[in-house]
Amino acid sequence: QGQHRKKRLSPSAARRRAKRGASFEEGQELGAALAAELRRCRKDGRRPDDAAIALLEDLVSTTSGARGWFVALLTDPDLGPLFEPPVDDALLLPIAERPEPNLRLVVM
C-alpha cells in the first residue's frame, strides 16, 4: 500500500554506477585495467566488449575518472600501441562524446 521499493539494479549496472563516482586514484586503477584490456583486444584483432566500452564511457564522464584514465594511459609505455593508427573508435568515441572534462585534459 503506497510502499516505494528501490529498483534493483543488474550487477553490471551496479558496477557501472559505482565506477561513475570513481576518485582520481580509482580512475587510475580502473583506467590501467581497462587500457590493458583494450590493448589485448587490439592485439587479438577484436573489438572490446560492451562492458569495456560502457566502463570507458562511465570513466571519462567525470573529471576524476577522466584524469585517472589519462594518467594511466600516458604513464604506461606498454599502452603505446593503443595510439598507433588506426586508433579504435571504441577508444575515441566515448572521449569525443564528452568534451567536458576530456578536452581540457587531452591538451594539458
PDB file of N, CA and C in Angstrom:
ATOM      1  N   GLN A   1       0.822  -1.179   0.000  1.00  0.00           N
ATOM      2  CA  GLN A   1       0.000   0.000   0.000  1.00  0.00           C
ATOM      3  C   GLN A   1       0.870   1.248   0.000  1.00  0.00           C
ATOM      4  N   GLY A   2       1.147   1.783  -1.194  1.00  0.00           N
ATOM      5  CA  GLY A   2       1.910   3.010  -1.280  1.00  0.00           C
ATOM      6  C   GLY A   2       3.376   2.881  -0.921  1.00  0.00           C
ATOM      7  N   GLN A   3       3.865   1.652  -0.779  1.00  0.00           N
ATOM      8  CA  GLN A   3       5.274   1.482  -0.439  1.00  0.00           C
ATOM      9  C   GLN A   3       6.122   1.690  -1.678  1.00  0.00           C
ATOM     10  N   HIS A   4       7.214   2.401  -1.467  1.00  0.00           N
ATOM     11  CA  HIS A   4       8.144   2.626  -2.572  1.00  0.00           C
ATOM     12  C   HIS A   4       9.316   1.687  -2.399  1.00  0.00           C
ATOM     13  N   ARG A   5       9.530   0.900  -3.408  1.00  0.00           N
ATOM     14  CA  ARG A   5      10.670  -0.008  -3.375  1.00  0.00           C
ATOM     15  C   ARG A   5      11.721   0.493  -4.348  1.00  0.00           C
ATOM     16  N   LYS A   6      12.951   0.328  -3.942  1.00  0.00           N
ATOM     17  CA  LYS A   6      14.032   0.693  -4.839  1.00  0.00           C
ATOM     18  C   LYS A   6      14.112  -0.325  -5.960  1.00  0.00           C
ATOM     19  N   LYS A   7      14.330   0.184  -7.156  1.00  0.00           N
ATOM     20  CA  LYS A   7      14.517  -0.707  -8.286  1.00  0.00           C
ATOM     21  C   LYS A   7      15.852  -1.412  -8.114  1.00  0.00           C
ATOM     22  N   ARG A   8      15.845  -2.707  -8.249  1.00  0.00           N
ATOM     23  CA  ARG A   8      17.078  -3.480  -8.111  1.00  0.00           C
ATOM     24  C   ARG A   8      17.871  -3.406  -9.415  1.00  0.00           C
ATOM     25  N   LEU A   9      19.131  -2.998  -9.301  1.00  0.00           N
ATOM     26  CA  LEU A   9      19.987  -2.881 -10.472  1.00  0.00           C
ATOM     27  C   LEU A   9      20.605  -4.222 -10.816  1.00  0.00           C
ATOM     28  N   SER A  10      20.808  -4.436 -12.096  1.00  0.00           N
ATOM     29  CA  SER A  10      21.540  -5.627 -12.511  1.00  0.00           C
ATOM     30  C   SER A  10      22.970  -5.486 -12.007  1.00  0.00           C
ATOM     31  N   PRO A  11      23.707  -6.588 -11.862  1.00  0.00           N
ATOM     32  CA  PRO A  11      25.097  -6.488 -11.391  1.00  0.00           C
ATOM     33  C   PRO A  11      25.954  -5.573 -12.256  1.00  0.00           C
ATOM     34  N   SER A  12      25.801  -5.628 -13.579  1.00  0.00           N
ATOM     35  CA  SER A  12      26.622  -4.771 -14.436  1.00  0.00           C
ATOM     36  C   SER A  12      26.230  -3.307 -14.281  1.00  0.00           C
ATOM     37  N   ALA A  13      24.942  -3.023 -14.117  1.00  0.00           N
ATOM     38  CA  ALA A  13      24.508  -1.637 -13.901  1.00  0.00           C
ATOM     39  C   ALA A  13      25.017  -1.116 -12.558  1.00  0.00           C
ATOM     40  N   ALA A  14      25.027  -1.964 -11.548  1.00  0.00           N
ATOM     41  CA  ALA A  14      25.549  -1.553 -10.241  1.00  0.00           C
ATOM     42  C   ALA A  14      27.043  -1.248 -10.326  1.00  0.00           C
ATOM     43  N   ARG A  15      27.798  -2.053 -11.079  1.00  0.00           N
ATOM     44  CA  ARG A  15      29.238  -1.792 -11.240  1.00  0.00           C
ATOM     45  C   ARG A  15      29.465  -0.477 -11.983  1.00  0.00           C
ATOM     46  N   ARG A  16      28.674  -0.259 -13.032  1.00  0.00           N
ATOM     47  CA  ARG A  16      28.833   0.996 -13.787  1.00  0.00           C
ATOM     48  C   ARG A  16      28.497   2.194 -12.912  1.00  0.00           C
ATOM     49  N   ARG A  17      27.454   2.093 -12.124  1.00  0.00           N
ATOM     50  CA  ARG A  17      27.084   3.206 -11.244  1.00  0.00           C
ATOM     51  C   ARG A  17      28.204   3.490 -10.256  1.00  0.00           C
ATOM     52  N   ALA A  18      28.825   2.444  -9.724  1.00  0.00           N
ATOM     53  CA  ALA A  18      29.939   2.617  -8.784  1.00  0.00           C
ATOM     54  C   ALA A  18      31.130   3.277  -9.481  1.00  0.00           C
ATOM     55  N   LYS A  19      31.377   2.934 -10.742  1.00  0.00           N
ATOM     56  CA  LYS A  19      32.516   3.487 -11.474  1.00  0.00           C
ATOM     57  C   LYS A  19      32.335   4.969 -11.747  1.00  0.00           C
ATOM     58  N   ARG A  20      31.084   5.400 -11.947  1.00  0.00           N
ATOM     59  CA  ARG A  20      30.826   6.798 -12.258  1.00  0.00           C
ATOM     60  C   ARG A  20      31.351   7.723 -11.179  1.00  0.00           C
ATOM     61  N   GLY A  21      31.338   7.271  -9.951  1.00  0.00           N
ATOM     62  CA  GLY A  21      31.797   8.099  -8.855  1.00  0.00           C
ATOM     63  C   GLY A  21      33.247   7.842  -8.501  1.00  0.00           C
ATOM     64  N   ALA A  22      34.024   7.298  -9.431  1.00  0.00           N
ATOM     65  CA  ALA A  22      35.408   6.926  -9.151  1.00  0.00           C
ATOM     66  C   ALA A  22      36.249   8.145  -8.794  1.00  0.00           C
ATOM     67  N   SER A  23      37.073   7.991  -7.759  1.00  0.00           N
ATOM     68  CA  SER A  23      38.032   9.029  -7.405  1.00  0.00           C
ATOM     69  C   SER A  23      39.163   9.013  -8.427  1.00  0.00           C
ATOM     70  N   PHE A  24      40.061   9.981  -8.342  1.00  0.00           N
ATOM     71  CA  PHE A  24      41.210  10.027  -9.239  1.00  0.00           C
ATOM     72  C   PHE A  24      42.023   8.744  -9.131  1.00  0.00           C
ATOM     73  N   GLU A  25      42.280   8.299  -7.909  1.00  0.00           N
ATOM     74  CA  GLU A  25      43.067   7.083  -7.695  1.00  0.00           C
ATOM     75  C   GLU A  25      42.352   5.853  -8.243  1.00  0.00           C
ATOM     76  N   GLU A  26      41.045   5.775  -7.996  1.00  0.00           N
ATOM     77  CA  GLU A  26      40.272   4.664  -8.535  1.00  0.00           C
ATOM     78  C   GLU A  26      40.234   4.727 -10.063  1.00  0.00           C
ATOM     79  N   GLY A  27      40.162   5.949 -10.598  1.00  0.00           N
ATOM     80  CA  GLY A  27      40.186   6.127 -12.044  1.00  0.00           C
ATOM     81  C   GLY A  27      41.482   5.623 -12.657  1.00  0.00           C
ATOM     82  N   GLN A  28      42.605   5.856 -11.961  1.00  0.00           N
ATOM     83  CA  GLN A  28      43.890   5.348 -12.440  1.00  0.00           C
ATOM     84  C   GLN A  28      43.887   3.824 -12.452  1.00  0.00           C
ATOM     85  N   GLU A  29      43.401   3.237 -11.376  1.00  0.00           N
ATOM     86  CA  GLU A  29      43.373   1.777 -11.264  1.00  0.00           C
ATOM     87  C   GLU A  29      42.456   1.167 -12.323  1.00  0.00           C
ATOM     88  N   LEU A  30      41.249   1.708 -12.424  1.00  0.00           N
ATOM     89  CA  LEU A  30      40.302   1.220 -13.425  1.00  0.00           C
ATOM     90  C   LEU A  30      40.824   1.485 -14.832  1.00  0.00           C
ATOM     91  N   GLY A  31      41.417   2.668 -15.021  1.00  0.00           N
ATOM     92  CA  GLY A  31      41.954   3.027 -16.332  1.00  0.00           C
ATOM     93  C   GLY A  31      43.061   2.092 -16.776  1.00  0.00           C
ATOM     94  N   ALA A  32      43.942   1.733 -15.855  1.00  0.00           N
ATOM     95  CA  ALA A  32      45.040   0.829 -16.199  1.00  0.00           C
ATOM     96  C   ALA A  32      44.504  -0.542 -16.602  1.00  0.00           C
ATOM     97  N   ALA A  33      43.532  -1.045 -15.846  1.00  0.00           N
ATOM     98  CA  ALA A  33      42.952  -2.354 -16.175  1.00  0.00           C
ATOM     99  C   ALA A  33      42.199  -2.302 -17.505  1.00  0.00           C
ATOM    100  N   LEU A  34      41.452  -1.225 -17.705  1.00  0.00           N
ATOM    101  CA  LEU A  34      40.693  -1.075 -18.941  1.00  0.00           C
ATOM    102  C   LEU A  34      41.627  -0.924 -20.145  1.00  0.00           C
ATOM    103  N   ALA A  35      42.676  -0.126 -20.000  1.00  0.00           N
ATOM    104  CA  ALA A  35      43.627   0.064 -21.094  1.00  0.00           C
ATOM    105  C   ALA A  35      44.316  -1.251 -21.450  1.00  0.00           C
ATOM    106  N   ALA A  36      44.641  -2.037 -20.440  1.00  0.00           N
ATOM    107  CA  ALA A  36      45.259  -3.345 -20.699  1.00  0.00           C
ATOM    108  C   ALA A  36      44.299  -4.236 -21.487  1.00  0.00           C
ATOM    109  N   GLU A  37      43.025  -4.187 -21.152  1.00  0.00           N
ATOM    110  CA  GLU A  37      42.019  -4.970 -21.882  1.00  0.00           C
ATOM    111  C   GLU A  37      41.900  -4.470 -23.324  1.00  0.00           C
ATOM    112  N   LEU A  38      41.902  -3.157 -23.515  1.00  0.00           N
ATOM    113  CA  LEU A  38      41.832  -2.603 -24.868  1.00  0.00           C
ATOM    114  C   LEU A  38      43.060  -2.992 -25.686  1.00  0.00           C
ATOM    115  N   ARG A  39      44.204  -3.042 -25.029  1.00  0.00           N
ATOM    116  CA  ARG A  39      45.433  -3.455 -25.709  1.00  0.00           C
ATOM    117  C   ARG A  39      45.342  -4.923 -26.139  1.00  0.00           C
ATOM    118  N   ARG A  40      44.815  -5.776 -25.245  1.00  0.00           N
ATOM    119  CA  ARG A  40      44.628  -7.198 -25.590  1.00  0.00           C
ATOM    120  C   ARG A  40      43.681  -7.346 -26.779  1.00  0.00           C
ATOM    121  N   CYS A  41      42.599  -6.575 -26.764  1.00  0.00           N
ATOM    122  CA  CYS A  41      41.639  -6.626 -27.870  1.00  0.00           C
ATOM    123  C   CYS A  41      42.310  -6.248 -29.174  1.00  0.00           C
ATOM    124  N   ARG A  42      43.089  -5.188 -29.128  1.00  0.00           N
ATOM    125  CA  ARG A  42      43.777  -4.740 -30.352  1.00  0.00           C
ATOM    126  C   ARG A  42      44.744  -5.808 -30.838  1.00  0.00           C
ATOM    127  N   LYS A  43      45.502  -6.381 -29.919  1.00  0.00           N
ATOM    128  CA  LYS A  43      46.483  -7.410 -30.270  1.00  0.00           C
ATOM    129  C   LYS A  43      45.795  -8.634 -30.886  1.00  0.00           C
ATOM    130  N   ASP A  44      44.619  -8.997 -30.339  1.00  0.00           N
ATOM    131  CA  ASP A  44      43.873 -10.164 -30.821  1.00  0.00           C
ATOM    132  C   ASP A  44      43.017  -9.850 -32.053  1.00  0.00           C
ATOM    133  N   GLY A  45      42.981  -8.573 -32.450  1.00  0.00           N
ATOM    134  CA  GLY A  45      42.192  -8.185 -33.618  1.00  0.00           C
ATOM    135  C   GLY A  45      40.699  -8.231 -33.388  1.00  0.00           C
ATOM    136  N   ARG A  46      40.279  -7.961 -32.159  1.00  0.00           N
ATOM    137  CA  ARG A  46      38.838  -7.983 -31.869  1.00  0.00           C
ATOM    138  C   ARG A  46      38.410  -6.659 -31.226  1.00  0.00           C
ATOM    139  N   ARG A  47      37.145  -6.383 -31.316  1.00  0.00           N
ATOM    140  CA  ARG A  47      36.578  -5.175 -30.699  1.00  0.00           C
ATOM    141  C   ARG A  47      36.374  -5.412 -29.206  1.00  0.00           C
ATOM    142  N   PRO A  48      36.513  -4.364 -28.406  1.00  0.00           N
ATOM    143  CA  PRO A  48      36.216  -4.509 -26.975  1.00  0.00           C
ATOM    144  C   PRO A  48      34.743  -4.870 -26.788  1.00  0.00           C
ATOM    145  N   ASP A  49      34.454  -5.600 -25.723  1.00  0.00           N
ATOM    146  CA  ASP A  49      33.058  -5.966 -25.483  1.00  0.00           C
ATOM    147  C   ASP A  49      32.283  -4.765 -24.947  1.00  0.00           C
ATOM    148  N   ASP A  50      30.973  -4.912 -24.892  1.00  0.00           N
ATOM    149  CA  ASP A  50      30.097  -3.819 -24.463  1.00  0.00           C
ATOM    150  C   ASP A  50      30.403  -3.358 -23.043  1.00  0.00           C
ATOM    151  N   ALA A  51      30.791  -4.282 -22.170  1.00  0.00           N
ATOM    152  CA  ALA A  51      31.095  -3.909 -20.784  1.00  0.00           C
ATOM    153  C   ALA A  51      32.317  -3.002 -20.722  1.00  0.00           C
ATOM    154  N   ALA A  52      33.343  -3.286 -21.515  1.00  0.00           N
ATOM    155  CA  ALA A  52      34.549  -2.450 -21.526  1.00  0.00           C
ATOM    156  C   ALA A  52      34.229  -1.060 -22.069  1.00  0.00           C
ATOM    157  N   ILE A  53      33.423  -1.012 -23.116  1.00  0.00           N
ATOM    158  CA  ILE A  53      33.046   0.283 -23.687  1.00  0.00           C
ATOM    159  C   ILE A  53      32.205   1.079 -22.703  1.00  0.00           C
ATOM    160  N   ALA A  54      31.267   0.423 -22.036  1.00  0.00           N
ATOM    161  CA  ALA A  54      30.434   1.105 -21.037  1.00  0.00           C
ATOM    162  C   ALA A  54      31.292   1.622 -19.882  1.00  0.00           C
ATOM    163  N   LEU A  55      32.278   0.848 -19.459  1.00  0.00           N
ATOM    164  CA  LEU A  55      33.165   1.286 -18.390  1.00  0.00           C
ATOM    165  C   LEU A  55      33.948   2.522 -18.826  1.00  0.00           C
ATOM    166  N   LEU A  56      34.467   2.523 -20.045  1.00  0.00           N
ATOM    167  CA  LEU A  56      35.192   3.693 -20.536  1.00  0.00           C
ATOM    168  C   LEU A  56      34.274   4.908 -20.580  1.00  0.00           C
ATOM    169  N   GLU A  57      33.053   4.726 -21.070  1.00  0.00           N
ATOM    170  CA  GLU A  57      32.097   5.830 -21.116  1.00  0.00           C
ATOM    171  C   GLU A  57      31.854   6.402 -19.733  1.00  0.00           C
ATOM    172  N   ASP A  58      31.679   5.532 -18.760  1.00  0.00           N
ATOM    173  CA  ASP A  58      31.457   5.992 -17.390  1.00  0.00           C
ATOM    174  C   ASP A  58      32.696   6.672 -16.821  1.00  0.00           C
ATOM    175  N   LEU A  59      33.843   6.106 -17.085  1.00  0.00           N
ATOM    176  CA  LEU A  59      35.091   6.623 -16.532  1.00  0.00           C
ATOM    177  C   LEU A  59      35.374   8.032 -17.042  1.00  0.00           C
ATOM    178  N   VAL A  60      35.190   8.277 -18.331  1.00  0.00           N
ATOM    179  CA  VAL A  60      35.525   9.593 -18.884  1.00  0.00           C
ATOM    180  C   VAL A  60      34.394  10.603 -18.729  1.00  0.00           C
ATOM    181  N   SER A  61      33.322  10.222 -18.059  1.00  0.00           N
ATOM    182  CA  SER A  61      32.200  11.148 -17.871  1.00  0.00           C
ATOM    183  C   SER A  61      32.380  12.047 -16.653  1.00  0.00           C
ATOM    184  N   THR A  62      33.376  11.791 -15.828  1.00  0.00           N
ATOM    185  CA  THR A  62      33.642  12.644 -14.667  1.00  0.00           C
ATOM    186  C   THR A  62      35.085  13.128 -14.718  1.00  0.00           C
ATOM    187  N   THR A  63      35.344  14.254 -14.097  1.00  0.00           N
ATOM    188  CA  THR A  63      36.700  14.803 -14.096  1.00  0.00           C
ATOM    189  C   THR A  63      37.675  13.855 -13.424  1.00  0.00           C
ATOM    190  N   SER A  64      37.327  13.330 -12.261  1.00  0.00           N
ATOM    191  CA  SER A  64      38.242  12.433 -11.543  1.00  0.00           C
ATOM    192  C   SER A  64      38.519  11.163 -12.333  1.00  0.00           C
ATOM    193  N   GLY A  65      37.475  10.568 -12.876  1.00  0.00           N
ATOM    194  CA  GLY A  65      37.647   9.349 -13.656  1.00  0.00           C
ATOM    195  C   GLY A  65      38.465   9.596 -14.917  1.00  0.00           C
ATOM    196  N   ALA A  66      38.170  10.699 -15.614  1.00  0.00           N
ATOM    197  CA  ALA A  66      38.906  11.020 -16.836  1.00  0.00           C
ATOM    198  C   ALA A  66      40.374  11.304 -16.524  1.00  0.00           C
ATOM    199  N   ARG A  67      40.640  12.030 -15.440  1.00  0.00           N
ATOM    200  CA  ARG A  67      42.032  12.307 -15.069  1.00  0.00           C
ATOM    201  C   ARG A  67      42.776  11.001 -14.807  1.00  0.00           C
ATOM    202  N   GLY A  68      42.150  10.102 -14.065  1.00  0.00           N
ATOM    203  CA  GLY A  68      42.770   8.809 -13.785  1.00  0.00           C
ATOM    204  C   GLY A  68      43.013   8.012 -15.052  1.00  0.00           C
ATOM    205  N   TRP A  69      42.054   8.047 -15.971  1.00  0.00           N
ATOM    206  CA  TRP A  69      42.169   7.332 -17.245  1.00  0.00           C
ATOM    207  C   TRP A  69      43.371   7.845 -18.034  1.00  0.00           C
ATOM    208  N   PHE A  70      43.481   9.163 -18.177  1.00  0.00           N
ATOM    209  CA  PHE A  70      44.584   9.723 -18.972  1.00  0.00           C
ATOM    210  C   PHE A  70      45.935   9.513 -18.299  1.00  0.00           C
ATOM    211  N   VAL A  71      45.984   9.601 -16.987  1.00  0.00           N
ATOM    212  CA  VAL A  71      47.249   9.336 -16.291  1.00  0.00           C
ATOM    213  C   VAL A  71      47.676   7.892 -16.531  1.00  0.00           C
ATOM    214  N   ALA A  72      46.733   6.971 -16.414  1.00  0.00           N
ATOM    215  CA  ALA A  72      47.056   5.556 -16.655  1.00  0.00           C
ATOM    216  C   ALA A  72      47.571   5.359 -18.082  1.00  0.00           C
ATOM    217  N   LEU A  73      46.900   5.978 -19.045  1.00  0.00           N
ATOM    218  CA  LEU A  73      47.301   5.820 -20.449  1.00  0.00           C
ATOM    219  C   LEU A  73      48.680   6.404 -20.734  1.00  0.00           C
ATOM    220  N   LEU A  74      48.924   7.574 -20.196  1.00  0.00           N
ATOM    221  CA  LEU A  74      50.131   8.305 -20.570  1.00  0.00           C
ATOM    222  C   LEU A  74      51.373   7.915 -19.774  1.00  0.00           C
ATOM    223  N   THR A  75      51.208   7.162 -18.713  1.00  0.00           N
ATOM    224  CA  THR A  75      52.370   6.804 -17.898  1.00  0.00           C
ATOM    225  C   THR A  75      52.810   5.360 -18.076  1.00  0.00           C
ATOM    226  N   ASP A  76      52.095   4.583 -18.849  1.00  0.00           N
ATOM    227  CA  ASP A  76      52.463   3.185 -19.063  1.00  0.00           C
ATOM    228  C   ASP A  76      52.923   2.996 -20.508  1.00  0.00           C
ATOM    229  N   PRO A  77      54.228   2.834 -20.716  1.00  0.00           N
ATOM    230  CA  PRO A  77      54.731   2.704 -22.084  1.00  0.00           C
ATOM    231  C   PRO A  77      54.182   1.481 -22.826  1.00  0.00           C
ATOM    232  N   ASP A  78      53.711   0.479 -22.102  1.00  0.00           N
ATOM    233  CA  ASP A  78      53.136  -0.705 -22.749  1.00  0.00           C
ATOM    234  C   ASP A  78      51.821  -0.401 -23.453  1.00  0.00           C
ATOM    235  N   LEU A  79      51.230   0.754 -23.145  1.00  0.00           N
ATOM    236  CA  LEU A  79      49.939   1.093 -23.741  1.00  0.00           C
ATOM    237  C   LEU A  79      50.087   1.932 -25.008  1.00  0.00           C
ATOM    238  N   GLY A  80      51.304   2.224 -25.405  1.00  0.00           N
ATOM    239  CA  GLY A  80      51.562   2.994 -26.620  1.00  0.00           C
ATOM    240  C   GLY A  80      50.862   2.466 -27.853  1.00  0.00           C
ATOM    241  N   PRO A  81      50.789   1.138 -28.052  1.00  0.00           N
ATOM    242  CA  PRO A  81      50.115   0.625 -29.255  1.00  0.00           C
ATOM    243  C   PRO A  81      48.659   1.069 -29.401  1.00  0.00           C
ATOM    244  N   LEU A  82      48.014   1.468 -28.304  1.00  0.00           N
ATOM    245  CA  LEU A  82      46.636   1.951 -28.414  1.00  0.00           C
ATOM    246  C   LEU A  82      46.557   3.210 -29.272  1.00  0.00           C
ATOM    247  N   PHE A  83      47.673   3.947 -29.369  1.00  0.00           N
ATOM    248  CA  PHE A  83      47.670   5.210 -30.093  1.00  0.00           C
ATOM    249  C   PHE A  83      48.225   5.103 -31.505  1.00  0.00           C
ATOM    250  N   GLU A  84      48.609   3.902 -31.904  1.00  0.00           N
ATOM    251  CA  GLU A  84      49.114   3.724 -33.258  1.00  0.00           C
ATOM    252  C   GLU A  84      47.943   3.620 -34.230  1.00  0.00           C
ATOM    253  N   PRO A  85      48.010   4.356 -35.348  1.00  0.00           N
ATOM    254  CA  PRO A  85      46.905   4.314 -36.310  1.00  0.00           C
ATOM    255  C   PRO A  85      46.718   2.914 -36.866  1.00  0.00           C
ATOM    256  N   PRO A  86      45.500   2.545 -37.134  1.00  0.00           N
ATOM    257  CA  PRO A  86      44.284   3.299 -36.853  1.00  0.00           C
ATOM    258  C   PRO A  86      43.874   3.127 -35.385  1.00  0.00           C
ATOM    259  N   VAL A  87      43.525   4.235 -34.747  1.00  0.00           N
ATOM    260  CA  VAL A  87      43.079   4.196 -33.358  1.00  0.00           C
ATOM    261  C   VAL A  87      41.622   3.739 -33.348  1.00  0.00           C
ATOM    262  N   ASP A  88      41.324   2.764 -32.507  1.00  0.00           N
ATOM    263  CA  ASP A  88      39.987   2.167 -32.440  1.00  0.00           C
ATOM    264  C   ASP A  88      38.946   3.208 -32.018  1.00  0.00           C
ATOM    265  N   ASP A  89      37.824   3.232 -32.725  1.00  0.00           N
ATOM    266  CA  ASP A  89      36.721   4.125 -32.365  1.00  0.00           C
ATOM    267  C   ASP A  89      36.234   3.881 -30.943  1.00  0.00           C
ATOM    268  N   ALA A  90      36.351   2.662 -30.461  1.00  0.00           N
ATOM    269  CA  ALA A  90      35.912   2.350 -29.100  1.00  0.00           C
ATOM    270  C   ALA A  90      36.689   3.175 -28.080  1.00  0.00           C
ATOM    271  N   LEU A  91      37.894   3.580 -28.430  1.00  0.00           N
ATOM    272  CA  LEU A  91      38.712   4.426 -27.555  1.00  0.00           C
ATOM    273  C   LEU A  91      38.378   5.900 -27.753  1.00  0.00           C
ATOM    274  N   LEU A  92      38.122   6.308 -28.973  1.00  0.00           N
ATOM    275  CA  LEU A  92      37.936   7.721 -29.284  1.00  0.00           C
ATOM    276  C   LEU A  92      36.521   8.244 -29.035  1.00  0.00           C
ATOM    277  N   LEU A  93      35.512   7.481 -29.392  1.00  0.00           N
ATOM    278  CA  LEU A  93      34.138   7.983 -29.322  1.00  0.00           C
ATOM    279  C   LEU A  93      33.681   8.374 -27.921  1.00  0.00           C
ATOM    280  N   PRO A  94      33.927   7.558 -26.891  1.00  0.00           N
ATOM    281  CA  PRO A  94      33.477   7.980 -25.561  1.00  0.00           C
ATOM    282  C   PRO A  94      34.119   9.294 -25.103  1.00  0.00           C
ATOM    283  N   ILE A  95      35.344   9.532 -25.518  1.00  0.00           N
ATOM    284  CA  ILE A  95      36.029  10.779 -25.158  1.00  0.00           C
ATOM    285  C   ILE A  95      35.453  11.937 -25.969  1.00  0.00           C
ATOM    286  N   ALA A  96      35.268  11.729 -27.272  1.00  0.00           N
ATOM    287  CA  ALA A  96      34.738  12.780 -28.135  1.00  0.00           C
ATOM    288  C   ALA A  96      33.307  13.157 -27.764  1.00  0.00           C
ATOM    289  N   GLU A  97      32.529  12.192 -27.278  1.00  0.00           N
ATOM    290  CA  GLU A  97      31.140  12.456 -26.914  1.00  0.00           C
ATOM    291  C   GLU A  97      31.011  13.237 -25.611  1.00  0.00           C
ATOM    292  N   ARG A  98      32.100  13.348 -24.877  1.00  0.00           N
ATOM    293  CA  ARG A  98      32.094  14.066 -23.595  1.00  0.00           C
ATOM    294  C   ARG A  98      33.227  15.089 -23.580  1.00  0.00           C
ATOM    295  N   PRO A  99      33.046  16.202 -24.302  1.00  0.00           N
ATOM    296  CA  PRO A  99      34.133  17.176 -24.371  1.00  0.00           C
ATOM    297  C   PRO A  99      34.537  17.712 -22.992  1.00  0.00           C
ATOM    298  N   GLU A 100      33.578  17.827 -22.103  1.00  0.00           N
ATOM    299  CA  GLU A 100      33.910  18.202 -20.732  1.00  0.00           C
ATOM    300  C   GLU A 100      33.865  16.935 -19.910  1.00  0.00           C
ATOM    301  N   PRO A 101      34.860  16.569 -19.233  1.00  0.00           N
ATOM    302  CA  PRO A 101      36.108  17.250 -18.894  1.00  0.00           C
ATOM    303  C   PRO A 101      37.269  16.879 -19.812  1.00  0.00           C
ATOM    304  N   ASN A 102      37.044  16.063 -20.805  1.00  0.00           N
ATOM    305  CA  ASN A 102      38.140  15.452 -21.566  1.00  0.00           C
ATOM    306  C   ASN A 102      38.959  16.426 -22.396  1.00  0.00           C
ATOM    307  N   LEU A 103      38.342  17.415 -22.999  1.00  0.00           N
ATOM    308  CA  LEU A 103      39.072  18.341 -23.846  1.00  0.00           C
ATOM    309  C   LEU A 103      40.194  19.041 -23.072  1.00  0.00           C
ATOM    310  N   ARG A 104      39.879  19.514 -21.885  1.00  0.00           N
ATOM    311  CA  ARG A 104      40.899  20.174 -21.048  1.00  0.00           C
ATOM    312  C   ARG A 104      42.032  19.227 -20.729  1.00  0.00           C
ATOM    313  N   LEU A 105      41.714  17.982 -20.427  1.00  0.00           N
ATOM    314  CA  LEU A 105      42.726  17.019 -20.015  1.00  0.00           C
ATOM    315  C   LEU A 105      43.604  16.558 -21.180  1.00  0.00           C
ATOM    316  N   VAL A 106      43.032  16.456 -22.352  1.00  0.00           N
ATOM    317  CA  VAL A 106      43.792  15.983 -23.509  1.00  0.00           C
ATOM    318  C   VAL A 106      44.863  17.000 -23.904  1.00  0.00           C
ATOM    319  N   VAL A 107      44.578  18.284 -23.740  1.00  0.00           N
ATOM    320  CA  VAL A 107      45.526  19.307 -24.178  1.00  0.00           C
ATOM    321  C   VAL A 107      46.508  19.720 -23.092  1.00  0.00           C
ATOM    322  N   MET A 108      46.384  19.190 -21.908  1.00  0.00           N
ATOM    323  CA  MET A 108      47.307  19.560 -20.813  1.00  0.00           C
ATOM    324  C   MET A 108      48.675  18.990 -21.050  1.00  0.00           C
TER     325      MET A 108
END
